[in-house]
Amino acid sequence: MKKLTLSSLILVSACATQNERERLILATSVGAAAGASGGAMLSPNPESRGMNAIVFGLTGALSGAIYAHLTSRPKPVRTKAKQLKEREEEMRKANILFQIPAINAASLPAFLKGRVSQIVIEEIPMQERVGEDGTLHEAHKAYRIKNPPELLPTPLKTQSDEAKP
């Protein structure tokens, strides 16, 4: 009974270990010990006891190693994280530029008329991805101001100004 308790204790500790190498060594040794003791105890005659212990010990070690390999977790595959520049280049392939209509000149004071540049907004479709901390980022659209509005020192020429002689 003590051998069974000791074997089950070693088997449980082999399954609980996180290190793959330790798990393989413990499972192989437990399988070898269980197979050798079973082969020796169940031998039909005393002359073949040693040979049965060797054969069943090797069989137990092999089955323990296979069990440890099958129950181990697969190693996570680490890929090289893309640099910010590479991610921006991928996003630029499908970008759409929006131009906000010109500001109504009638609503601006006289000193601002023709001096505010047009704003350009870029739409970036973002794909679904998993963050480094395991959070899920769903597919969405992001917007970035490509050209912010600026106050110019000299007025811009508009189409109505070009038509005048």
Protein backbone atom coordinates (compact mmCIF):
# COMPACT_ATOMS: atom_id res chain seq x y z
CA MET A 1 0.00 0.00 0.00
CA LYS A 2 2.92 2.35 0.75
CA LYS A 3 4.32 1.80 -2.76
CA LEU A 4 0.97 2.69 -4.31
CA THR A 5 0.70 5.87 -2.21
CA LEU A 6 4.27 6.89 -3.04
CA SER A 7 3.74 6.18 -6.76
CA SER A 8 0.51 8.19 -6.86
CA LEU A 9 2.17 11.07 -4.96
CA ILE A 10 5.03 11.18 -7.48
CA LEU A 11 2.58 10.92 -10.39
CA VAL A 12 0.50 13.83 -9.08
CA SER A 13 3.62 15.96 -8.56
CA ALA A 14 4.77 15.09 -12.07
CA CYS A 15 1.49 16.30 -13.52
CA ALA A 16 1.51 19.47 -11.43
CA THR A 17 4.96 20.69 -12.40
CA GLN A 18 5.19 23.50 -14.93
CA ASN A 19 8.65 22.77 -16.27
CA GLU A 20 8.41 20.42 -19.26
CA ARG A 21 11.78 18.79 -18.60
CA GLU A 22 10.94 18.03 -14.96
CA ARG A 23 7.55 16.67 -16.00
CA LEU A 24 9.18 14.35 -18.54
CA ILE A 25 11.79 13.09 -16.04
CA LEU A 26 9.24 12.51 -13.27
CA ALA A 27 6.72 10.77 -15.54
CA THR A 28 9.43 8.56 -17.04
CA SER A 29 10.77 7.58 -13.62
CA VAL A 30 7.29 6.90 -12.23
CA GLY A 31 6.44 4.78 -15.27
CA ALA A 32 9.71 2.87 -15.00
CA ALA A 33 9.24 2.23 -11.27
CA ALA A 34 5.63 1.13 -11.69
CA GLY A 35 6.46 -1.12 -14.64
CA ALA A 36 9.49 -2.71 -12.97
CA SER A 37 7.70 -3.37 -9.71
CA GLY A 38 4.65 -4.74 -11.52
CA GLY A 39 6.80 -6.96 -13.75
CA ALA A 40 8.72 -8.32 -10.76
CA MET A 41 5.63 -8.90 -8.62
CA LEU A 42 3.58 -10.56 -11.35
CA SER A 43 6.40 -12.72 -12.71
CA PRO A 44 5.27 -16.36 -13.16
CA ASN A 45 8.54 -17.83 -11.84
CA PRO A 46 11.57 -16.57 -9.91
CA GLU A 47 13.98 -17.17 -12.84
CA SER A 48 12.26 -14.66 -15.13
CA ARG A 49 11.67 -12.02 -12.44
CA GLY A 50 14.67 -9.84 -13.43
CA MET A 51 13.90 -9.98 -17.15
CA ASN A 52 10.23 -9.14 -16.57
CA ALA A 53 11.23 -6.20 -14.34
CA ILE A 54 13.51 -4.85 -17.10
CA VAL A 55 10.99 -5.31 -19.92
CA PHE A 56 8.03 -3.89 -18.03
CA GLY A 57 10.18 -1.12 -16.52
CA LEU A 58 11.23 0.04 -20.00
CA THR A 59 7.63 -0.23 -21.21
CA GLY A 60 6.46 1.83 -18.21
CA ALA A 61 9.18 4.44 -18.79
CA LEU A 62 8.17 4.75 -22.46
CA SER A 63 4.48 5.06 -21.62
CA GLY A 64 5.28 7.65 -18.89
CA ALA A 65 7.32 9.71 -21.35
CA ILE A 66 4.51 9.57 -23.92
CA TYR A 67 1.99 10.58 -21.26
CA ALA A 68 4.16 13.53 -20.18
CA HIS A 69 4.57 14.65 -23.77
CA LEU A 70 0.84 14.44 -24.51
CA THR A 71 -0.18 16.35 -21.38
CA SER A 72 2.38 19.13 -21.76
CA ARG A 73 1.23 22.52 -22.97
CA PRO A 74 2.43 23.71 -26.36
CA LYS A 75 5.02 26.47 -26.18
CA PRO A 76 3.67 29.86 -27.27
CA VAL A 77 5.07 31.01 -30.58
CA ARG A 78 6.61 34.46 -30.24
CA THR A 79 6.59 36.59 -33.31
CA LYS A 80 8.63 39.70 -33.76
CA ALA A 81 6.52 42.71 -32.92
CA LYS A 82 6.09 45.10 -35.79
CA GLN A 83 7.62 48.50 -35.47
CA LEU A 84 5.35 51.53 -35.40
CA LYS A 85 6.54 52.60 -38.85
CA GLU A 86 5.62 49.20 -40.37
CA ARG A 87 2.15 49.28 -38.79
CA GLU A 88 1.52 52.79 -40.11
CA GLU A 89 2.58 51.74 -43.62
CA GLU A 90 0.09 48.85 -43.53
CA MET A 91 -2.66 51.20 -42.38
CA ARG A 92 -1.93 53.78 -45.07
CA LYS A 93 -2.77 51.30 -47.85
CA ALA A 94 -6.50 51.61 -47.18
CA ASN A 95 -6.69 55.18 -45.90
CA ILE A 96 -9.30 57.64 -47.10
CA LEU A 97 -8.78 61.39 -46.98
CA PHE A 98 -11.65 63.72 -46.15
CA GLN A 99 -11.59 67.42 -46.79
CA ILE A 100 -13.90 69.49 -44.69
CA PRO A 101 -15.74 72.05 -46.82
CA ALA A 102 -14.32 75.55 -46.74
CA ILE A 103 -15.38 77.66 -43.83
CA ASN A 104 -18.25 79.95 -44.61
CA ALA A 105 -16.52 83.25 -45.33
CA ALA A 106 -19.61 85.23 -44.35
CA SER A 107 -19.46 83.95 -40.77
CA LEU A 108 -15.81 84.98 -40.28
CA PRO A 109 -14.60 88.43 -39.29
CA ALA A 110 -13.02 90.48 -42.05
CA PHE A 111 -9.44 89.97 -40.86
CA LEU A 112 -9.84 86.13 -41.06
CA LYS A 113 -11.47 85.88 -44.50
CA GLY A 114 -9.19 83.85 -46.77
CA ARG A 115 -6.55 83.33 -44.08
CA VAL A 116 -7.68 79.97 -42.63
CA SER A 117 -6.37 76.88 -44.46
CA GLN A 118 -8.56 73.89 -45.12
CA ILE A 119 -8.51 70.93 -42.69
CA VAL A 120 -7.82 67.41 -44.05
CA ILE A 121 -8.83 64.36 -41.99
CA GLU A 122 -7.54 60.86 -42.72
CA GLU A 123 -9.71 57.78 -42.06
CA ILE A 124 -7.75 54.65 -41.09
CA PRO A 125 -9.52 51.26 -40.98
CA MET A 126 -8.10 49.29 -38.01
CA GLN A 127 -8.19 45.50 -38.11
CA GLU A 128 -9.14 43.23 -35.24
CA ARG A 129 -6.14 42.31 -33.10
CA VAL A 130 -5.13 41.00 -29.69
CA GLY A 131 -3.02 43.29 -27.54
CA GLU A 132 0.13 42.25 -25.70
CA ASP A 133 -1.81 42.04 -22.44
CA GLY A 134 -4.43 39.75 -24.02
CA THR A 135 -7.17 42.31 -24.58
CA LEU A 136 -9.20 42.11 -27.77
CA HIS A 137 -9.37 45.21 -29.96
CA GLU A 138 -12.26 44.93 -32.40
CA ALA A 139 -12.15 46.20 -35.97
CA HIS A 140 -12.96 49.92 -36.14
CA LYS A 141 -12.14 53.13 -37.94
CA ALA A 142 -9.72 55.67 -36.57
CA TYR A 143 -9.41 59.27 -37.71
CA ARG A 144 -6.31 61.44 -37.77
CA ILE A 145 -5.95 65.09 -38.70
CA LYS A 146 -3.58 65.10 -41.66
CA ASN A 147 -3.48 68.86 -42.19
CA PRO A 148 -4.77 70.97 -39.29
CA PRO A 149 -6.34 74.34 -40.04
CA GLU A 150 -3.81 77.15 -39.90
CA LEU A 151 -4.06 80.88 -39.71
CA LEU A 152 -2.03 82.21 -42.65
CA PRO A 153 -0.26 85.58 -42.68
CA THR A 154 -1.51 86.37 -46.19
CA PRO A 155 -4.99 85.59 -47.55
CA LEU A 156 -5.48 82.51 -49.75
CA LYS A 157 -6.53 83.05 -53.34
CA THR A 158 -9.99 81.67 -53.93
CA GLN A 159 -11.75 80.89 -57.22
CA SER A 160 -13.74 84.12 -57.01
CA ASP A 161 -10.49 86.10 -56.59
CA GLU A 162 -8.94 84.44 -59.68
CA ALA A 163 -12.02 85.22 -61.82
CA LYS A 164 -11.70 88.95 -61.08
CA PRO A 165 -9.43 90.88 -63.49
